[in-house]
Amino acid sequence: LVYAVAQIPTGVLADRFGPRYVGSIGGFVLS
């Protein structure tokens, strides 16, 4: 449910900020 809701904001973040910040923060939060 959370995964689905976050997808479009994720697309916006990925387009604007790139994988370094979005990917590393995501890995930290899931852990």
All heavy atoms as atom14 arrays in JSON, in Angstrom:
{
  "sequence": "LVYAVAQIPTGVLADRFGPRYVGSIGGFVLS",
  "atom14_mask": [
    [1, 1, 1, 1, 1, 1, 1, 1, 0, 0, 0, 0, 0, 0],
    [1, 1, 1, 1, 1, 1, 1, 0, 0, 0, 0, 0, 0, 0],
    [1, 1, 1, 1, 1, 1, 1, 1, 1, 1, 1, 1, 0, 0],
    [1, 1, 1, 1, 1, 0, 0, 0, 0, 0, 0, 0, 0, 0],
    [1, 1, 1, 1, 1, 1, 1, 0, 0, 0, 0, 0, 0, 0],
    [1, 1, 1, 1, 1, 0, 0, 0, 0, 0, 0, 0, 0, 0],
    [1, 1, 1, 1, 1, 1, 1, 1, 1, 0, 0, 0, 0, 0],
    [1, 1, 1, 1, 1, 1, 1, 1, 0, 0, 0, 0, 0, 0],
    [1, 1, 1, 1, 1, 1, 1, 0, 0, 0, 0, 0, 0, 0],
    [1, 1, 1, 1, 1, 1, 1, 0, 0, 0, 0, 0, 0, 0],
    [1, 1, 1, 1, 0, 0, 0, 0, 0, 0, 0, 0, 0, 0],
    [1, 1, 1, 1, 1, 1, 1, 0, 0, 0, 0, 0, 0, 0],
    [1, 1, 1, 1, 1, 1, 1, 1, 0, 0, 0, 0, 0, 0],
    [1, 1, 1, 1, 1, 0, 0, 0, 0, 0, 0, 0, 0, 0],
    [1, 1, 1, 1, 1, 1, 1, 1, 0, 0, 0, 0, 0, 0],
    [1, 1, 1, 1, 1, 1, 1, 1, 1, 1, 1, 0, 0, 0],
    [1, 1, 1, 1, 1, 1, 1, 1, 1, 1, 1, 0, 0, 0],
    [1, 1, 1, 1, 0, 0, 0, 0, 0, 0, 0, 0, 0, 0],
    [1, 1, 1, 1, 1, 1, 1, 0, 0, 0, 0, 0, 0, 0],
    [1, 1, 1, 1, 1, 1, 1, 1, 1, 1, 1, 0, 0, 0],
    [1, 1, 1, 1, 1, 1, 1, 1, 1, 1, 1, 1, 0, 0],
    [1, 1, 1, 1, 1, 1, 1, 0, 0, 0, 0, 0, 0, 0],
    [1, 1, 1, 1, 0, 0, 0, 0, 0, 0, 0, 0, 0, 0],
    [1, 1, 1, 1, 1, 1, 0, 0, 0, 0, 0, 0, 0, 0],
    [1, 1, 1, 1, 1, 1, 1, 1, 0, 0, 0, 0, 0, 0],
    [1, 1, 1, 1, 0, 0, 0, 0, 0, 0, 0, 0, 0, 0],
    [1, 1, 1, 1, 0, 0, 0, 0, 0, 0, 0, 0, 0, 0],
    [1, 1, 1, 1, 1, 1, 1, 1, 1, 1, 1, 0, 0, 0],
    [1, 1, 1, 1, 1, 1, 1, 0, 0, 0, 0, 0, 0, 0],
    [1, 1, 1, 1, 1, 1, 1, 1, 0, 0, 0, 0, 0, 0],
    [1, 1, 1, 1, 1, 1, 0, 0, 0, 0, 0, 0, 0, 0]
  ],
  "atom14_positions": [
    [[0.83, -1.2, 0.0], [0.0, 0.0, 0.0], [0.87, 1.25, 0.0], [0.69, 2.15, -0.82], [-0.93, -0.01, 1.22], [-1.79, 1.24, 1.4], [-2.72, 1.42, 0.21], [-2.59, 1.15, 2.69], [0.0, 0.0, 0.0], [0.0, 0.0, 0.0], [0.0, 0.0, 0.0], [0.0, 0.0, 0.0], [0.0, 0.0, 0.0], [0.0, 0.0, 0.0]],
    [[1.83, 1.3, 0.92], [2.73, 2.45, 0.98], [3.58, 2.51, -0.29], [3.81, 3.59, -0.85], [3.61, 2.37, 2.24], [4.63, 3.5, 2.26], [2.75, 2.41, 3.49], [0.0, 0.0, 0.0], [0.0, 0.0, 0.0], [0.0, 0.0, 0.0], [0.0, 0.0, 0.0], [0.0, 0.0, 0.0], [0.0, 0.0, 0.0], [0.0, 0.0, 0.0]],
    [[4.04, 1.36, -0.73], [4.86, 1.27, -1.94], [4.11, 1.87, -3.13], [4.66, 2.65, -3.91], [5.17, -0.2, -2.19], [6.31, -0.49, -3.14], [7.5, -1.04, -2.67], [6.2, -0.27, -4.5], [8.55, -1.35, -3.53], [7.23, -0.58, -5.37], [8.4, -1.12, -4.88], [9.44, -1.43, -5.74], [0.0, 0.0, 0.0], [0.0, 0.0, 0.0]],
    [[2.82, 1.52, -3.26], [2.04, 2.01, -4.38], [1.83, 3.51, -4.32], [2.0, 4.24, -5.31], [0.69, 1.29, -4.43], [0.0, 0.0, 0.0], [0.0, 0.0, 0.0], [0.0, 0.0, 0.0], [0.0, 0.0, 0.0], [0.0, 0.0, 0.0], [0.0, 0.0, 0.0], [0.0, 0.0, 0.0], [0.0, 0.0, 0.0], [0.0, 0.0, 0.0]],
    [[1.46, 4.0, -3.14], [1.21, 5.44, -2.97], [2.45, 6.26, -3.29], [2.37, 7.37, -3.83], [0.71, 5.72, -1.55], [0.68, 7.21, -1.26], [-0.68, 5.12, -1.34], [0.0, 0.0, 0.0], [0.0, 0.0, 0.0], [0.0, 0.0, 0.0], [0.0, 0.0, 0.0], [0.0, 0.0, 0.0], [0.0, 0.0, 0.0], [0.0, 0.0, 0.0]],
    [[3.63, 5.7, -2.98], [4.88, 6.47, -3.13], [5.44, 6.44, -4.54], [6.43, 7.15, -4.81], [5.93, 5.92, -2.15], [0.0, 0.0, 0.0], [0.0, 0.0, 0.0], [0.0, 0.0, 0.0], [0.0, 0.0, 0.0], [0.0, 0.0, 0.0], [0.0, 0.0, 0.0], [0.0, 0.0, 0.0], [0.0, 0.0, 0.0], [0.0, 0.0, 0.0]],
    [[4.86, 5.67, -5.46], [5.51, 5.47, -6.75], [5.62, 6.74, -7.59], [6.69, 7.05, -8.13], [4.79, 4.38, -7.55], [5.08, 2.99, -7.04], [6.56, 2.7, -6.94], [7.25, 2.54, -7.94], [7.08, 2.66, -5.73], [0.0, 0.0, 0.0], [0.0, 0.0, 0.0], [0.0, 0.0, 0.0], [0.0, 0.0, 0.0], [0.0, 0.0, 0.0]],
    [[4.55, 7.5, -7.75], [4.64, 8.7, -8.58], [5.55, 9.75, -7.95], [6.41, 10.33, -8.64], [3.24, 9.24, -8.9], [2.53, 8.25, -9.82], [3.32, 10.63, -9.55], [1.11, 8.63, -10.16], [0.0, 0.0, 0.0], [0.0, 0.0, 0.0], [0.0, 0.0, 0.0], [0.0, 0.0, 0.0], [0.0, 0.0, 0.0], [0.0, 0.0, 0.0]],
    [[5.44, 10.02, -6.63], [6.45, 10.9, -6.02], [7.87, 10.39, -6.21], [8.8, 11.18, -6.42], [6.06, 10.92, -4.54], [4.6, 10.63, -4.53], [4.37, 9.67, -5.66], [0.0, 0.0, 0.0], [0.0, 0.0, 0.0], [0.0, 0.0, 0.0], [0.0, 0.0, 0.0], [0.0, 0.0, 0.0], [0.0, 0.0, 0.0], [0.0, 0.0, 0.0]],
    [[8.03, 9.07, -6.18], [9.35, 8.49, -6.43], [9.84, 8.82, -7.83], [11.02, 9.16, -8.02], [9.3, 6.96, -6.24], [9.09, 6.67, -4.87], [10.6, 6.31, -6.7], [0.0, 0.0, 0.0], [0.0, 0.0, 0.0], [0.0, 0.0, 0.0], [0.0, 0.0, 0.0], [0.0, 0.0, 0.0], [0.0, 0.0, 0.0], [0.0, 0.0, 0.0]],
    [[8.95, 8.72, -8.83], [9.34, 9.07, -10.18], [9.79, 10.51, -10.29], [10.78, 10.82, -10.97], [0.0, 0.0, 0.0], [0.0, 0.0, 0.0], [0.0, 0.0, 0.0], [0.0, 0.0, 0.0], [0.0, 0.0, 0.0], [0.0, 0.0, 0.0], [0.0, 0.0, 0.0], [0.0, 0.0, 0.0], [0.0, 0.0, 0.0], [0.0, 0.0, 0.0]],
    [[9.09, 11.4, -9.6], [9.47, 12.82, -9.59], [10.84, 12.99, -8.94], [11.72, 13.69, -9.46], [8.41, 13.65, -8.84], [8.86, 15.11, -8.73], [7.06, 13.57, -9.56], [0.0, 0.0, 0.0], [0.0, 0.0, 0.0], [0.0, 0.0, 0.0], [0.0, 0.0, 0.0], [0.0, 0.0, 0.0], [0.0, 0.0, 0.0], [0.0, 0.0, 0.0]],
    [[11.05, 12.33, -7.8], [12.34, 12.44, -7.1], [13.47, 11.86, -7.94], [14.56, 12.44, -8.01], [12.25, 11.71, -5.76], [11.35, 12.35, -4.7], [11.21, 11.41, -3.5], [11.9, 13.69, -4.24], [0.0, 0.0, 0.0], [0.0, 0.0, 0.0], [0.0, 0.0, 0.0], [0.0, 0.0, 0.0], [0.0, 0.0, 0.0], [0.0, 0.0, 0.0]],
    [[13.21, 10.71, -8.57], [14.26, 10.08, -9.39], [14.63, 10.97, -10.56], [15.81, 11.08, -10.93], [13.79, 8.71, -9.87], [0.0, 0.0, 0.0], [0.0, 0.0, 0.0], [0.0, 0.0, 0.0], [0.0, 0.0, 0.0], [0.0, 0.0, 0.0], [0.0, 0.0, 0.0], [0.0, 0.0, 0.0], [0.0, 0.0, 0.0], [0.0, 0.0, 0.0]],
    [[13.63, 11.62, -11.18], [13.91, 12.51, -12.3], [14.7, 13.74, -11.86], [15.55, 14.23, -12.6], [12.6, 12.95, -12.96], [11.97, 11.85, -13.83], [12.71, 10.93, -14.23], [10.77, 11.93, -14.1], [0.0, 0.0, 0.0], [0.0, 0.0, 0.0], [0.0, 0.0, 0.0], [0.0, 0.0, 0.0], [0.0, 0.0, 0.0], [0.0, 0.0, 0.0]],
    [[14.41, 14.24, -10.67], [15.01, 15.51, -10.24], [16.33, 15.34, -9.51], [17.25, 16.15, -9.67], [14.03, 16.28, -9.34], [12.9, 16.94, -10.12], [11.99, 17.75, -9.21], [12.7, 18.83, -8.52], [13.02, 20.0, -9.07], [12.73, 20.25, -10.33], [13.65, 20.92, -8.35], [0.0, 0.0, 0.0], [0.0, 0.0, 0.0], [0.0, 0.0, 0.0]],
    [[16.45, 14.32, -8.66], [17.61, 14.23, -7.78], [18.55, 13.07, -8.08], [19.68, 13.05, -7.58], [17.14, 14.15, -6.31], [16.36, 15.35, -5.87], [14.99, 15.27, -5.67], [16.98, 16.57, -5.68], [14.26, 16.37, -5.28], [16.27, 17.68, -5.28], [14.9, 17.59, -5.09], [0.0, 0.0, 0.0], [0.0, 0.0, 0.0], [0.0, 0.0, 0.0]],
    [[18.12, 12.1, -8.87], [19.01, 11.04, -9.28], [19.16, 9.93, -8.26], [18.68, 10.01, -7.13], [0.0, 0.0, 0.0], [0.0, 0.0, 0.0], [0.0, 0.0, 0.0], [0.0, 0.0, 0.0], [0.0, 0.0, 0.0], [0.0, 0.0, 0.0], [0.0, 0.0, 0.0], [0.0, 0.0, 0.0], [0.0, 0.0, 0.0], [0.0, 0.0, 0.0]],
    [[19.87, 8.87, -8.64], [19.92, 7.65, -7.83], [20.77, 7.74, -6.57], [20.53, 7.0, -5.62], [20.51, 6.61, -8.79], [21.35, 7.43, -9.73], [20.59, 8.71, -9.92], [0.0, 0.0, 0.0], [0.0, 0.0, 0.0], [0.0, 0.0, 0.0], [0.0, 0.0, 0.0], [0.0, 0.0, 0.0], [0.0, 0.0, 0.0], [0.0, 0.0, 0.0]],
    [[21.76, 8.63, -6.56], [22.65, 8.66, -5.4], [21.89, 8.96, -4.11], [22.02, 8.23, -3.12], [23.74, 9.72, -5.6], [24.75, 9.74, -4.47], [25.75, 10.87, -4.6], [26.87, 10.68, -3.71], [27.81, 11.59, -3.48], [27.76, 12.76, -4.12], [28.8, 11.33, -2.66], [0.0, 0.0, 0.0], [0.0, 0.0, 0.0], [0.0, 0.0, 0.0]],
    [[21.09, 10.0, -4.15], [20.38, 10.41, -2.94], [19.1, 9.61, -2.73], [18.83, 9.14, -1.62], [20.08, 11.91, -3.02], [21.33, 12.75, -3.07], [21.76, 13.32, -4.26], [22.13, 12.92, -1.94], [22.93, 14.07, -4.33], [23.3, 13.66, -1.99], [23.69, 14.23, -3.18], [24.86, 14.96, -3.24], [0.0, 0.0, 0.0], [0.0, 0.0, 0.0]],
    [[18.32, 9.43, -3.79], [17.05, 8.73, -3.64], [17.28, 7.26, -3.27], [16.63, 6.72, -2.37], [16.23, 8.85, -4.94], [14.9, 8.11, -4.8], [15.96, 10.31, -5.27], [0.0, 0.0, 0.0], [0.0, 0.0, 0.0], [0.0, 0.0, 0.0], [0.0, 0.0, 0.0], [0.0, 0.0, 0.0], [0.0, 0.0, 0.0], [0.0, 0.0, 0.0]],
    [[18.24, 6.62, -3.96], [18.49, 5.2, -3.69], [19.09, 4.95, -2.31], [18.69, 4.01, -1.62], [0.0, 0.0, 0.0], [0.0, 0.0, 0.0], [0.0, 0.0, 0.0], [0.0, 0.0, 0.0], [0.0, 0.0, 0.0], [0.0, 0.0, 0.0], [0.0, 0.0, 0.0], [0.0, 0.0, 0.0], [0.0, 0.0, 0.0], [0.0, 0.0, 0.0]],
    [[20.04, 5.78, -1.9], [20.68, 5.55, -0.6], [19.74, 5.83, 0.56], [19.7, 5.09, 1.55], [21.95, 6.4, -0.48], [21.66, 7.78, -0.55], [0.0, 0.0, 0.0], [0.0, 0.0, 0.0], [0.0, 0.0, 0.0], [0.0, 0.0, 0.0], [0.0, 0.0, 0.0], [0.0, 0.0, 0.0], [0.0, 0.0, 0.0], [0.0, 0.0, 0.0]],
    [[18.92, 6.89, 0.44], [17.96, 7.19, 1.5], [16.91, 6.08, 1.58], [16.51, 5.66, 2.68], [17.31, 8.56, 1.26], [18.35, 9.67, 1.48], [16.13, 8.78, 2.21], [17.88, 11.05, 1.09], [0.0, 0.0, 0.0], [0.0, 0.0, 0.0], [0.0, 0.0, 0.0], [0.0, 0.0, 0.0], [0.0, 0.0, 0.0], [0.0, 0.0, 0.0]],
    [[16.46, 5.59, 0.42], [15.5, 4.49, 0.43], [16.05, 3.26, 1.12], [15.36, 2.61, 1.92], [0.0, 0.0, 0.0], [0.0, 0.0, 0.0], [0.0, 0.0, 0.0], [0.0, 0.0, 0.0], [0.0, 0.0, 0.0], [0.0, 0.0, 0.0], [0.0, 0.0, 0.0], [0.0, 0.0, 0.0], [0.0, 0.0, 0.0], [0.0, 0.0, 0.0]],
    [[17.32, 2.91, 0.83], [17.93, 1.76, 1.48], [18.03, 1.92, 2.99], [17.81, 0.97, 3.75], [0.0, 0.0, 0.0], [0.0, 0.0, 0.0], [0.0, 0.0, 0.0], [0.0, 0.0, 0.0], [0.0, 0.0, 0.0], [0.0, 0.0, 0.0], [0.0, 0.0, 0.0], [0.0, 0.0, 0.0], [0.0, 0.0, 0.0], [0.0, 0.0, 0.0]],
    [[18.31, 3.14, 3.43], [18.41, 3.4, 4.88], [17.04, 3.26, 5.55], [16.91, 2.63, 6.6], [18.97, 4.8, 5.11], [19.07, 5.19, 6.56], [20.16, 4.8, 7.33], [18.07, 5.93, 7.16], [20.25, 5.15, 8.67], [18.15, 6.28, 8.5], [19.24, 5.89, 9.26], [0.0, 0.0, 0.0], [0.0, 0.0, 0.0], [0.0, 0.0, 0.0]],
    [[16.0, 3.84, 4.92], [14.66, 3.81, 5.52], [14.12, 2.39, 5.59], [13.54, 1.98, 6.6], [13.71, 4.74, 4.74], [12.27, 4.57, 5.22], [14.14, 6.2, 4.91], [0.0, 0.0, 0.0], [0.0, 0.0, 0.0], [0.0, 0.0, 0.0], [0.0, 0.0, 0.0], [0.0, 0.0, 0.0], [0.0, 0.0, 0.0], [0.0, 0.0, 0.0]],
    [[14.29, 1.61, 4.52], [13.75, 0.24, 4.56], [14.46, -0.6, 5.62], [13.84, -1.44, 6.28], [13.81, -0.41, 3.18], [15.12, -0.97, 2.62], [15.35, -2.42, 3.07], [15.12, -0.92, 1.11], [0.0, 0.0, 0.0], [0.0, 0.0, 0.0], [0.0, 0.0, 0.0], [0.0, 0.0, 0.0], [0.0, 0.0, 0.0], [0.0, 0.0, 0.0]],
    [[15.74, -0.35, 5.82], [16.48, -1.09, 6.85], [16.05, -0.67, 8.24], [15.98, -1.49, 9.16], [17.99, -0.88, 6.65], [18.38, -1.34, 5.38], [0.0, 0.0, 0.0], [0.0, 0.0, 0.0], [0.0, 0.0, 0.0], [0.0, 0.0, 0.0], [0.0, 0.0, 0.0], [0.0, 0.0, 0.0], [0.0, 0.0, 0.0], [0.0, 0.0, 0.0]]
  ]
}
